[in-house]
Amino acid sequence: MEFITVQELKERKENGDSFFLLDVRDYHEYLVSNLDGYHIPYHELEDRLDEIKDYRSTELIVMCRSGNTSQDACRTLLNAGFQNVISLQGGMKRWAKEIDTSLPVI
């Protein structure tokens, strides 16, 4: 499993790099603040893999609240045949602390 820092993700977003951002936080967390990623809560991921099947060979960056659940989601995706999955270290909490302090995180 690969990892990406919030600084690296910020640079990738600013550069317009091609990747698919998947947010696996719960609904209420996503509604409070998000980075415009595609949202599938982790507990629904296995049942909703068809929604993102077209991204199996795309670089897929997975984010959660603190970086732990995204690692579980990456393992689920790898087991389902996704080839290039990356976990965001520190998740939304670190993004809000180091990149955009105006974002609320619950």
N, C-alpha and C. Protein backbone atom coordinates (compact mmCIF):
# COMPACT_ATOMS: atom_id res chain seq x y z
N MET A 1 0.84 -1.17 0.00
CA MET A 1 0.00 0.00 0.00
C MET A 1 0.89 1.24 0.00
N GLU A 2 0.48 2.21 -0.77
CA GLU A 2 1.23 3.46 -0.85
C GLU A 2 0.54 4.53 -0.02
N PHE A 3 1.29 5.59 0.30
CA PHE A 3 0.76 6.69 1.09
C PHE A 3 1.10 8.01 0.41
N ILE A 4 0.30 9.03 0.69
CA ILE A 4 0.54 10.37 0.20
C ILE A 4 0.32 11.33 1.37
N THR A 5 1.14 12.37 1.45
CA THR A 5 0.96 13.36 2.51
C THR A 5 -0.05 14.41 2.07
N VAL A 6 -0.53 15.19 3.03
CA VAL A 6 -1.49 16.24 2.67
C VAL A 6 -0.81 17.30 1.81
N GLN A 7 0.47 17.56 2.05
CA GLN A 7 1.19 18.53 1.22
C GLN A 7 1.29 18.04 -0.23
N GLU A 8 1.58 16.75 -0.39
CA GLU A 8 1.67 16.19 -1.75
C GLU A 8 0.31 16.24 -2.44
N LEU A 9 -0.76 15.93 -1.71
CA LEU A 9 -2.10 15.99 -2.30
C LEU A 9 -2.45 17.41 -2.70
N LYS A 10 -2.12 18.37 -1.86
CA LYS A 10 -2.38 19.78 -2.19
C LYS A 10 -1.68 20.15 -3.49
N GLU A 11 -0.41 19.78 -3.62
CA GLU A 11 0.34 20.07 -4.84
C GLU A 11 -0.29 19.40 -6.05
N ARG A 12 -0.70 18.15 -5.89
CA ARG A 12 -1.33 17.41 -7.00
C ARG A 12 -2.62 18.10 -7.44
N LYS A 13 -3.41 18.55 -6.47
CA LYS A 13 -4.66 19.25 -6.79
C LYS A 13 -4.37 20.57 -7.50
N GLU A 14 -3.41 21.33 -6.98
CA GLU A 14 -3.06 22.62 -7.58
C GLU A 14 -2.51 22.46 -8.99
N ASN A 15 -1.78 21.38 -9.23
CA ASN A 15 -1.19 21.13 -10.55
C ASN A 15 -2.19 20.56 -11.55
N GLY A 16 -3.38 20.20 -11.07
CA GLY A 16 -4.38 19.60 -11.95
C GLY A 16 -4.04 18.18 -12.35
N ASP A 17 -3.24 17.50 -11.53
CA ASP A 17 -2.87 16.11 -11.83
C ASP A 17 -4.10 15.23 -11.88
N SER A 18 -4.02 14.17 -12.65
CA SER A 18 -5.13 13.25 -12.81
C SER A 18 -5.10 12.18 -11.72
N PHE A 19 -6.17 12.12 -10.94
CA PHE A 19 -6.35 11.08 -9.92
C PHE A 19 -7.82 11.10 -9.52
N PHE A 20 -8.24 10.04 -8.84
CA PHE A 20 -9.61 9.93 -8.35
C PHE A 20 -9.53 9.96 -6.83
N LEU A 21 -10.22 10.93 -6.21
CA LEU A 21 -10.20 11.07 -4.76
C LEU A 21 -11.46 10.44 -4.19
N LEU A 22 -11.27 9.46 -3.31
CA LEU A 22 -12.39 8.76 -2.68
C LEU A 22 -12.39 9.05 -1.19
N ASP A 23 -13.50 9.61 -0.72
CA ASP A 23 -13.67 9.94 0.70
C ASP A 23 -14.52 8.85 1.34
N VAL A 24 -13.98 8.15 2.33
CA VAL A 24 -14.70 7.02 2.94
C VAL A 24 -15.21 7.35 4.34
N ARG A 25 -15.31 8.63 4.67
CA ARG A 25 -15.84 9.01 5.97
C ARG A 25 -17.36 8.84 5.99
N ASP A 26 -17.94 8.87 7.19
CA ASP A 26 -19.39 8.78 7.33
C ASP A 26 -20.06 10.02 6.75
N TYR A 27 -21.36 9.89 6.49
CA TYR A 27 -22.11 10.98 5.86
C TYR A 27 -21.98 12.29 6.62
N HIS A 28 -22.19 12.27 7.93
CA HIS A 28 -22.17 13.52 8.70
C HIS A 28 -20.80 14.19 8.66
N GLU A 29 -19.74 13.42 8.61
CA GLU A 29 -18.40 13.99 8.52
C GLU A 29 -18.19 14.65 7.16
N TYR A 30 -18.64 13.97 6.10
CA TYR A 30 -18.49 14.49 4.74
C TYR A 30 -19.27 15.79 4.56
N LEU A 31 -20.47 15.87 5.15
CA LEU A 31 -21.30 17.06 5.02
C LEU A 31 -20.69 18.27 5.72
N VAL A 32 -19.96 18.05 6.80
CA VAL A 32 -19.34 19.15 7.54
C VAL A 32 -18.20 19.78 6.73
N SER A 33 -17.37 18.97 6.11
CA SER A 33 -16.28 19.47 5.28
C SER A 33 -15.79 18.35 4.38
N ASN A 34 -15.40 18.73 3.17
CA ASN A 34 -14.88 17.73 2.23
C ASN A 34 -13.98 18.40 1.20
N LEU A 35 -13.26 17.58 0.46
CA LEU A 35 -12.34 18.06 -0.58
C LEU A 35 -12.87 17.77 -1.97
N ASP A 36 -14.18 17.65 -2.09
CA ASP A 36 -14.85 17.37 -3.37
C ASP A 36 -14.51 16.00 -3.94
N GLY A 37 -14.15 15.08 -3.08
CA GLY A 37 -13.92 13.71 -3.53
C GLY A 37 -15.22 12.96 -3.66
N TYR A 38 -15.18 11.84 -4.34
CA TYR A 38 -16.35 10.96 -4.46
C TYR A 38 -16.57 10.33 -3.10
N HIS A 39 -17.80 10.29 -2.65
CA HIS A 39 -18.08 9.85 -1.28
C HIS A 39 -18.76 8.49 -1.24
N ILE A 40 -18.09 7.54 -0.61
CA ILE A 40 -18.68 6.24 -0.27
C ILE A 40 -18.22 5.93 1.15
N PRO A 41 -19.12 5.95 2.13
CA PRO A 41 -18.71 5.60 3.49
C PRO A 41 -18.08 4.20 3.52
N TYR A 42 -17.06 4.03 4.35
CA TYR A 42 -16.33 2.78 4.38
C TYR A 42 -17.25 1.58 4.60
N HIS A 43 -18.22 1.71 5.48
CA HIS A 43 -19.09 0.56 5.77
C HIS A 43 -19.98 0.17 4.59
N GLU A 44 -20.01 1.00 3.53
CA GLU A 44 -20.77 0.70 2.32
C GLU A 44 -19.88 0.34 1.14
N LEU A 45 -18.58 0.44 1.31
CA LEU A 45 -17.64 0.34 0.18
C LEU A 45 -17.77 -0.97 -0.58
N GLU A 46 -17.75 -2.10 0.10
CA GLU A 46 -17.81 -3.38 -0.61
C GLU A 46 -19.08 -3.51 -1.45
N ASP A 47 -20.19 -3.00 -0.95
CA ASP A 47 -21.46 -3.10 -1.68
C ASP A 47 -21.56 -2.10 -2.82
N ARG A 48 -20.70 -1.09 -2.84
CA ARG A 48 -20.81 -0.03 -3.84
C ARG A 48 -19.60 0.05 -4.78
N LEU A 49 -18.81 -1.01 -4.83
CA LEU A 49 -17.62 -1.00 -5.68
C LEU A 49 -17.94 -0.79 -7.16
N ASP A 50 -19.12 -1.22 -7.59
CA ASP A 50 -19.51 -1.03 -8.99
C ASP A 50 -19.53 0.44 -9.39
N GLU A 51 -19.81 1.32 -8.44
CA GLU A 51 -19.88 2.75 -8.74
C GLU A 51 -18.53 3.31 -9.19
N ILE A 52 -17.46 2.69 -8.77
CA ILE A 52 -16.13 3.21 -9.09
C ILE A 52 -15.30 2.23 -9.93
N LYS A 53 -15.95 1.23 -10.49
CA LYS A 53 -15.22 0.19 -11.23
C LYS A 53 -14.42 0.75 -12.41
N ASP A 54 -14.87 1.86 -12.99
CA ASP A 54 -14.16 2.45 -14.12
C ASP A 54 -12.81 3.04 -13.71
N TYR A 55 -12.55 3.12 -12.43
CA TYR A 55 -11.30 3.70 -11.93
C TYR A 55 -10.31 2.65 -11.43
N ARG A 56 -10.52 1.39 -11.83
CA ARG A 56 -9.65 0.30 -11.37
C ARG A 56 -8.17 0.53 -11.69
N SER A 57 -7.88 1.14 -12.81
CA SER A 57 -6.48 1.35 -13.18
C SER A 57 -6.04 2.80 -13.01
N THR A 58 -6.94 3.63 -12.50
CA THR A 58 -6.63 5.04 -12.25
C THR A 58 -5.96 5.18 -10.88
N GLU A 59 -5.12 6.16 -10.73
CA GLU A 59 -4.58 6.44 -9.40
C GLU A 59 -5.74 6.87 -8.50
N LEU A 60 -5.95 6.13 -7.44
CA LEU A 60 -7.09 6.34 -6.57
C LEU A 60 -6.58 6.69 -5.17
N ILE A 61 -6.80 7.93 -4.74
CA ILE A 61 -6.36 8.39 -3.43
C ILE A 61 -7.55 8.29 -2.48
N VAL A 62 -7.35 7.59 -1.38
CA VAL A 62 -8.43 7.34 -0.42
C VAL A 62 -8.18 8.15 0.84
N MET A 63 -9.22 8.85 1.29
CA MET A 63 -9.09 9.65 2.50
C MET A 63 -10.20 9.35 3.49
N CYS A 64 -9.88 9.54 4.76
CA CYS A 64 -10.85 9.37 5.84
C CYS A 64 -10.62 10.50 6.84
N ARG A 65 -11.04 10.30 8.06
CA ARG A 65 -10.90 11.34 9.08
C ARG A 65 -9.45 11.47 9.57
N SER A 66 -8.81 10.34 9.88
CA SER A 66 -7.48 10.41 10.48
C SER A 66 -6.41 9.57 9.80
N GLY A 67 -6.78 8.81 8.78
CA GLY A 67 -5.80 8.01 8.04
C GLY A 67 -5.85 6.53 8.31
N ASN A 68 -6.62 6.09 9.29
CA ASN A 68 -6.69 4.66 9.60
C ASN A 68 -7.70 3.92 8.73
N THR A 69 -8.91 4.45 8.65
CA THR A 69 -9.95 3.79 7.85
C THR A 69 -9.58 3.79 6.37
N SER A 70 -8.88 4.82 5.92
CA SER A 70 -8.47 4.84 4.51
C SER A 70 -7.54 3.68 4.20
N GLN A 71 -6.73 3.26 5.15
CA GLN A 71 -5.87 2.10 4.94
C GLN A 71 -6.70 0.83 4.80
N ASP A 72 -7.73 0.69 5.63
CA ASP A 72 -8.63 -0.46 5.50
C ASP A 72 -9.33 -0.43 4.15
N ALA A 73 -9.75 0.76 3.72
CA ALA A 73 -10.42 0.90 2.43
C ALA A 73 -9.46 0.54 1.29
N CYS A 74 -8.22 0.94 1.40
CA CYS A 74 -7.22 0.60 0.38
C CYS A 74 -7.07 -0.91 0.26
N ARG A 75 -7.03 -1.60 1.39
CA ARG A 75 -6.93 -3.06 1.35
C ARG A 75 -8.16 -3.67 0.67
N THR A 76 -9.33 -3.15 0.97
CA THR A 76 -10.56 -3.62 0.33
C THR A 76 -10.48 -3.42 -1.18
N LEU A 77 -10.02 -2.25 -1.59
CA LEU A 77 -9.92 -1.94 -3.02
C LEU A 77 -8.87 -2.82 -3.71
N LEU A 78 -7.73 -3.01 -3.08
CA LEU A 78 -6.70 -3.88 -3.66
C LEU A 78 -7.23 -5.30 -3.82
N ASN A 79 -7.93 -5.80 -2.83
CA ASN A 79 -8.51 -7.15 -2.91
C ASN A 79 -9.58 -7.25 -3.98
N ALA A 80 -10.19 -6.12 -4.34
CA ALA A 80 -11.22 -6.10 -5.37
C ALA A 80 -10.65 -5.85 -6.76
N GLY A 81 -9.32 -5.77 -6.87
CA GLY A 81 -8.70 -5.64 -8.18
C GLY A 81 -8.31 -4.24 -8.58
N PHE A 82 -8.46 -3.26 -7.70
CA PHE A 82 -7.99 -1.91 -8.01
C PHE A 82 -6.48 -1.93 -7.92
N GLN A 83 -5.82 -1.28 -8.89
CA GLN A 83 -4.39 -1.47 -9.05
C GLN A 83 -3.52 -0.41 -8.39
N ASN A 84 -4.01 0.80 -8.27
CA ASN A 84 -3.15 1.90 -7.83
C ASN A 84 -3.86 2.71 -6.75
N VAL A 85 -3.89 2.18 -5.54
CA VAL A 85 -4.59 2.86 -4.44
C VAL A 85 -3.58 3.44 -3.45
N ILE A 86 -3.89 4.63 -2.97
CA ILE A 86 -2.99 5.38 -2.11
C ILE A 86 -3.80 5.93 -0.94
N SER A 87 -3.27 5.79 0.26
CA SER A 87 -3.94 6.29 1.46
C SER A 87 -3.39 7.66 1.85
N LEU A 88 -4.29 8.59 2.14
CA LEU A 88 -3.89 9.92 2.59
C LEU A 88 -3.49 9.86 4.06
N GLN A 89 -2.23 10.14 4.35
CA GLN A 89 -1.73 10.10 5.72
C GLN A 89 -2.36 11.21 6.56
N GLY A 90 -2.93 10.83 7.70
CA GLY A 90 -3.50 11.83 8.60
C GLY A 90 -4.90 12.28 8.26
N GLY A 91 -5.36 11.92 7.07
CA GLY A 91 -6.73 12.20 6.65
C GLY A 91 -7.14 13.67 6.73
N MET A 92 -8.45 13.86 6.87
CA MET A 92 -9.03 15.21 6.89
C MET A 92 -8.55 16.01 8.10
N LYS A 93 -8.28 15.34 9.21
CA LYS A 93 -7.77 16.05 10.39
C LYS A 93 -6.44 16.73 10.08
N ARG A 94 -5.55 16.02 9.41
CA ARG A 94 -4.25 16.62 9.09
C ARG A 94 -4.40 17.69 8.02
N TRP A 95 -5.30 17.46 7.04
CA TRP A 95 -5.54 18.48 6.01
C TRP A 95 -5.99 19.78 6.68
N ALA A 96 -6.94 19.67 7.61
CA ALA A 96 -7.47 20.86 8.29
C ALA A 96 -6.43 21.52 9.18
N LYS A 97 -5.50 20.76 9.69
CA LYS A 97 -4.46 21.31 10.56
C LYS A 97 -3.33 21.96 9.77
N GLU A 98 -2.93 21.34 8.65
CA GLU A 98 -1.74 21.80 7.94
C GLU A 98 -2.01 22.56 6.65
N ILE A 99 -3.16 22.34 6.03
CA ILE A 99 -3.42 22.95 4.72
C ILE A 99 -4.49 24.03 4.79
N ASP A 100 -5.65 23.71 5.34
CA ASP A 100 -6.77 24.66 5.38
C ASP A 100 -7.38 24.66 6.78
N THR A 101 -6.89 25.56 7.61
CA THR A 101 -7.34 25.60 9.00
C THR A 101 -8.77 26.10 9.15
N SER A 102 -9.38 26.59 8.08
CA SER A 102 -10.77 27.05 8.16
C SER A 102 -11.77 25.90 8.11
N LEU A 103 -11.31 24.71 7.73
CA LEU A 103 -12.22 23.57 7.61
C LEU A 103 -12.51 22.95 8.97
N PRO A 104 -13.79 22.80 9.28
CA PRO A 104 -14.14 22.09 10.52
C PRO A 104 -14.05 20.58 10.30
N VAL A 105 -13.62 19.88 11.32
CA VAL A 105 -13.53 18.42 11.25
C VAL A 105 -14.15 17.86 12.52
N ILE A 106 -15.06 16.89 12.33
CA ILE A 106 -15.66 16.25 13.51
C ILE A 106 -15.20 14.82 13.60
